[in-house]
Amino acid sequence: MGLRFMRKAHVARGKGDEAMAFAAEISAHWKETYGTELTWGFEVGGEWGTLYWFSDHDSMANLEAEMMASMANEETGKRLAEGADLFEGRTEDRLIMTM
């Protein structure tokens, strides 16, 4: 049993290539900094420009510790801010219990 975190974001028009580069870059940063593998991809056959990130965690405590560490990390904050203009509207997060 574990947890899967999912973040959904909508790419701003004309920013698809930049958003994919950002998704790959932030995923690599996350793995290097926090040790968590982020998988990312685009929705196929659905809403244009919907990008997702997924990560798996063995407990809520570990996910929470990682999230708190990411909020306190200046480099992570800087990188996330640099990608802000690549997306529009709201992001959506989901937490799914896996079996």
Protein backbone atom coordinates (compact mmCIF):
# COMPACT_ATOMS: atom_id res chain seq x y z
CA MET A 1 0.00 0.00 0.00
CA GLY A 2 1.27 3.49 -0.81
CA LEU A 3 0.36 6.87 -2.23
CA ARG A 4 0.48 8.34 -5.70
CA PHE A 5 0.62 12.11 -6.00
CA MET A 6 -0.66 13.60 -9.26
CA ARG A 7 -0.39 17.22 -10.37
CA LYS A 8 -2.32 18.41 -13.43
CA ALA A 9 -1.53 21.70 -15.16
CA HIS A 10 -2.68 23.40 -18.35
CA VAL A 11 0.00 24.59 -20.75
CA ALA A 12 -0.32 28.16 -22.02
CA ARG A 13 -0.99 28.43 -25.77
CA GLY A 14 2.21 28.41 -27.78
CA LYS A 15 4.31 27.19 -24.83
CA GLY A 16 4.13 23.42 -25.45
CA ASP A 17 7.80 22.84 -26.29
CA GLU A 18 8.97 25.02 -23.41
CA ALA A 19 6.56 23.28 -21.02
CA MET A 20 7.87 19.84 -22.00
CA ALA A 21 11.46 21.00 -21.45
CA PHE A 22 10.44 22.42 -18.07
CA ALA A 23 8.66 19.19 -17.12
CA ALA A 24 11.79 17.17 -17.88
CA GLU A 25 14.04 19.66 -16.08
CA ILE A 26 11.96 19.87 -12.90
CA SER A 27 11.59 16.08 -12.85
CA ALA A 28 15.38 15.67 -13.02
CA HIS A 29 15.84 18.32 -10.31
CA TRP A 30 13.32 16.54 -8.09
CA LYS A 31 15.08 13.18 -8.46
CA GLU A 32 18.49 14.73 -7.79
CA THR A 33 17.34 16.85 -4.85
CA TYR A 34 14.72 14.68 -3.11
CA GLY A 35 15.39 11.20 -4.47
CA THR A 36 11.85 10.82 -5.80
CA GLU A 37 11.21 9.75 -9.37
CA LEU A 38 8.72 12.04 -11.13
CA THR A 39 7.00 10.71 -14.22
CA TRP A 40 5.44 13.29 -16.50
CA GLY A 41 3.41 13.31 -19.67
CA PHE A 42 0.64 14.88 -21.73
CA GLU A 43 -2.97 13.84 -21.96
CA VAL A 44 -3.70 12.07 -25.24
CA GLY A 45 -7.15 12.32 -26.77
CA GLY A 46 -8.41 14.74 -24.16
CA GLU A 47 -7.99 18.40 -23.43
CA TRP A 48 -5.15 19.98 -25.42
CA GLY A 49 -2.11 20.96 -23.39
CA THR A 50 -2.88 19.06 -20.21
CA LEU A 51 0.38 18.06 -18.54
CA TYR A 52 0.70 15.69 -15.58
CA TRP A 53 3.35 14.79 -13.04
CA PHE A 54 3.15 11.59 -10.96
CA SER A 55 5.19 10.44 -7.99
CA ASP A 56 4.87 7.41 -5.72
CA HIS A 57 5.43 7.46 -1.96
CA ASP A 58 5.39 4.75 0.68
CA SER A 59 3.68 6.87 3.36
CA MET A 60 1.90 10.16 3.95
CA ALA A 61 4.65 11.14 6.41
CA ASN A 62 7.33 10.76 3.70
CA LEU A 63 5.29 12.73 1.16
CA GLU A 64 4.68 15.49 3.69
CA ALA A 65 8.38 15.65 4.62
CA GLU A 66 9.31 15.93 0.94
CA MET A 67 6.75 18.67 0.32
CA MET A 68 7.95 20.65 3.34
CA ALA A 69 11.57 20.29 2.20
CA SER A 70 10.65 21.48 -1.30
CA MET A 71 8.89 24.57 0.06
CA ALA A 72 11.98 25.47 2.12
CA ASN A 73 14.45 24.90 -0.76
CA GLU A 74 15.34 28.18 -2.50
CA GLU A 75 16.62 26.46 -5.65
CA THR A 76 13.38 24.50 -6.06
CA GLY A 77 11.33 27.66 -5.54
CA LYS A 78 13.41 29.52 -8.10
CA ARG A 79 13.02 26.74 -10.69
CA LEU A 80 9.26 26.48 -10.16
CA ALA A 81 8.87 30.27 -10.46
CA GLU A 82 10.80 30.24 -13.75
CA GLY A 83 8.20 27.88 -15.22
CA ALA A 84 5.13 29.75 -13.98
CA ASP A 85 4.45 31.59 -17.25
CA LEU A 86 4.34 28.29 -19.15
CA PHE A 87 1.00 27.39 -17.56
CA GLU A 88 -2.39 29.06 -17.29
CA GLY A 89 -5.38 28.65 -15.03
CA ARG A 90 -5.25 26.51 -11.94
CA THR A 91 -3.33 23.38 -11.19
CA GLU A 92 -5.05 20.37 -9.68
CA ASP A 93 -3.46 17.95 -7.22
CA ARG A 94 -4.74 14.50 -6.36
CA LEU A 95 -3.57 11.97 -3.83
CA ILE A 96 -4.44 8.37 -4.59
CA MET A 97 -4.03 5.42 -2.25
CA THR A 98 -2.47 2.54 -4.17
CA MET A 99 -2.94 -1.14 -3.36
